[in-house]
Each structure stands twice: as C-alpha cells, then as structure tokens.
Amino acid sequence: MPLTPEQQKEAMRRIAAARSEPGSPIACPACGADGLQIIDRSARPHAQWYALTCPACGLAETLHIPMGSSVHTLD
C-alpha cells in the first residue's frame, strides 16, 4: 500500500534525520518500527530518489523529491 501524504512528509523527515545521523536506527513512517532501510538512488542535480524498505511491515516505496531547476538569464 502506498504511503499517505502525511506518511510521505514523515518519510522526508526521517530521510533528513538519517542523513544528519548516519548509522542511527530510523523508524518506519508507516508502522513506526525501527529498522527502516533507506537507499539513496538520486540523480542529482535533477531529483532525489530514495528507496525505503521496512522488514517489519513490508514497506517497499520509492520517494521522489524534485529539485528546483536553475534559472538562466538572457543577459
């Protein structure tokens, strides 16, 4: 089952936490159990892609976070 919009927001917070504290246990945004696995499959500078898996509830979700494009001037 896909993540709800609220769970997607929580997943983004959990990804940020994992990036700031690598190696610390991360709770699943769907079931709350520790052990969320996050794989960064990003294609920067275009987008961030994260594969999220949870062994406790079976979550297997890919989260896409578009990155802003640069603005080109004609000057």
C-alpha atoms as a PDB file:
ATOM      1  CA  MET A   1       0.000   0.000   0.000  1.00  0.00           C
ATOM      2  CA  PRO A   2       1.446   3.435  -0.910  1.00  0.00           C
ATOM      3  CA  LEU A   3       2.318   5.967   1.755  1.00  0.00           C
ATOM      4  CA  THR A   4      -0.295   8.566   2.591  1.00  0.00           C
ATOM      5  CA  PRO A   5       0.635  12.249   2.105  1.00  0.00           C
ATOM      6  CA  GLU A   6       1.237  12.530   5.867  1.00  0.00           C
ATOM      7  CA  GLN A   7       3.466   9.437   5.826  1.00  0.00           C
ATOM      8  CA  GLN A   8       5.386  10.864   2.838  1.00  0.00           C
ATOM      9  CA  LYS A   9       6.100  14.041   4.822  1.00  0.00           C
ATOM     10  CA  GLU A  10       7.229  11.931   7.758  1.00  0.00           C
ATOM     11  CA  ALA A  11       9.408   9.853   5.415  1.00  0.00           C
ATOM     12  CA  MET A  12      11.137  13.031   4.235  1.00  0.00           C
ATOM     13  CA  ARG A  13      11.816  13.985   7.862  1.00  0.00           C
ATOM     14  CA  ARG A  14      13.211  10.501   8.514  1.00  0.00           C
ATOM     15  CA  ILE A  15      15.448  10.731   5.427  1.00  0.00           C
ATOM     16  CA  ALA A  16      16.805  14.069   6.690  1.00  0.00           C
ATOM     17  CA  ALA A  17      17.432  12.502  10.106  1.00  0.00           C
ATOM     18  CA  ALA A  18      19.257   9.560   8.520  1.00  0.00           C
ATOM     19  CA  ARG A  19      21.450  11.913   6.504  1.00  0.00           C
ATOM     20  CA  SER A  20      22.331  14.007   9.560  1.00  0.00           C
ATOM     21  CA  GLU A  21      22.947  10.982  11.832  1.00  0.00           C
ATOM     22  CA  PRO A  22      24.132   8.086   9.659  1.00  0.00           C
ATOM     23  CA  GLY A  23      24.066   4.720  11.351  1.00  0.00           C
ATOM     24  CA  SER A  24      21.344   5.594  13.850  1.00  0.00           C
ATOM     25  CA  PRO A  25      18.159   3.477  13.751  1.00  0.00           C
ATOM     26  CA  ILE A  26      15.341   5.058  11.757  1.00  0.00           C
ATOM     27  CA  ALA A  27      11.674   4.294  12.390  1.00  0.00           C
ATOM     28  CA  CYS A  28       9.363   3.372   9.531  1.00  0.00           C
ATOM     29  CA  PRO A  29       6.904   6.145   8.571  1.00  0.00           C
ATOM     30  CA  ALA A  30       4.178   3.516   8.036  1.00  0.00           C
ATOM     31  CA  CYS A  31       4.417   1.259  11.111  1.00  0.00           C
ATOM     32  CA  GLY A  32       6.830   3.071  13.444  1.00  0.00           C
ATOM     33  CA  ALA A  33       9.175   0.104  13.887  1.00  0.00           C
ATOM     34  CA  ASP A  34      12.919   0.753  13.927  1.00  0.00           C
ATOM     35  CA  GLY A  35      14.885  -0.705  11.034  1.00  0.00           C
ATOM     36  CA  LEU A  36      13.803   1.405   8.052  1.00  0.00           C
ATOM     37  CA  GLN A  37      16.329   0.937   5.274  1.00  0.00           C
ATOM     38  CA  ILE A  38      16.992   3.946   3.055  1.00  0.00           C
ATOM     39  CA  ILE A  39      18.910   3.677  -0.209  1.00  0.00           C
ATOM     40  CA  ASP A  40      19.818   6.922  -1.984  1.00  0.00           C
ATOM     41  CA  ARG A  41      19.242   6.460  -5.723  1.00  0.00           C
ATOM     42  CA  SER A  42      19.342  10.145  -6.546  1.00  0.00           C
ATOM     43  CA  ALA A  43      20.190  11.620  -9.930  1.00  0.00           C
ATOM     44  CA  ARG A  44      21.385  14.991  -8.724  1.00  0.00           C
ATOM     45  CA  PRO A  45      21.056  17.803  -9.688  1.00  0.00           C
ATOM     46  CA  HIS A  46      17.728  16.805 -11.202  1.00  0.00           C
ATOM     47  CA  ALA A  47      15.969  14.895  -8.444  1.00  0.00           C
ATOM     48  CA  GLN A  48      16.394  12.951  -5.241  1.00  0.00           C
ATOM     49  CA  TRP A  49      15.153   9.348  -5.219  1.00  0.00           C
ATOM     50  CA  TYR A  50      15.095   7.240  -2.076  1.00  0.00           C
ATOM     51  CA  ALA A  51      14.149   3.565  -1.868  1.00  0.00           C
ATOM     52  CA  LEU A  52      12.523   2.859   1.503  1.00  0.00           C
ATOM     53  CA  THR A  53      12.078  -0.675   2.847  1.00  0.00           C
ATOM     54  CA  CYS A  54      10.854  -1.896   6.206  1.00  0.00           C
ATOM     55  CA  PRO A  55      11.342  -5.524   7.238  1.00  0.00           C
ATOM     56  CA  ALA A  56       8.656  -5.218   9.944  1.00  0.00           C
ATOM     57  CA  CYS A  57       5.682  -4.181   7.795  1.00  0.00           C
ATOM     58  CA  GLY A  58       6.930  -4.939   4.283  1.00  0.00           C
ATOM     59  CA  LEU A  59       7.029  -1.321   3.124  1.00  0.00           C
ATOM     60  CA  ALA A  60       8.718  -1.042  -0.269  1.00  0.00           C
ATOM     61  CA  GLU A  61       8.342   2.520  -1.503  1.00  0.00           C
ATOM     62  CA  THR A  62      10.347   4.876  -3.689  1.00  0.00           C
ATOM     63  CA  LEU A  63      10.161   8.527  -2.731  1.00  0.00           C
ATOM     64  CA  HIS A  64      10.830  11.125  -5.449  1.00  0.00           C
ATOM     65  CA  ILE A  65      11.815  14.641  -4.411  1.00  0.00           C
ATOM     66  CA  PRO A  66      12.149  17.030  -7.388  1.00  0.00           C
ATOM     67  CA  MET A  67      14.915  19.581  -7.120  1.00  0.00           C
ATOM     68  CA  GLY A  68      14.475  23.125  -8.388  1.00  0.00           C
ATOM     69  CA  SER A  69      15.848  23.992 -11.774  1.00  0.00           C
ATOM     70  CA  SER A  70      18.287  26.802 -12.225  1.00  0.00           C
ATOM     71  CA  VAL A  71      17.073  29.985 -13.869  1.00  0.00           C
ATOM     72  CA  HIS A  72      19.017  31.037 -16.945  1.00  0.00           C
ATOM     73  CA  THR A  73      19.151  34.694 -17.921  1.00  0.00           C
ATOM     74  CA  LEU A  74      19.426  36.001 -21.439  1.00  0.00           C
ATOM     75  CA  ASP A  75      21.980  38.652 -20.470  1.00  0.00           C
END
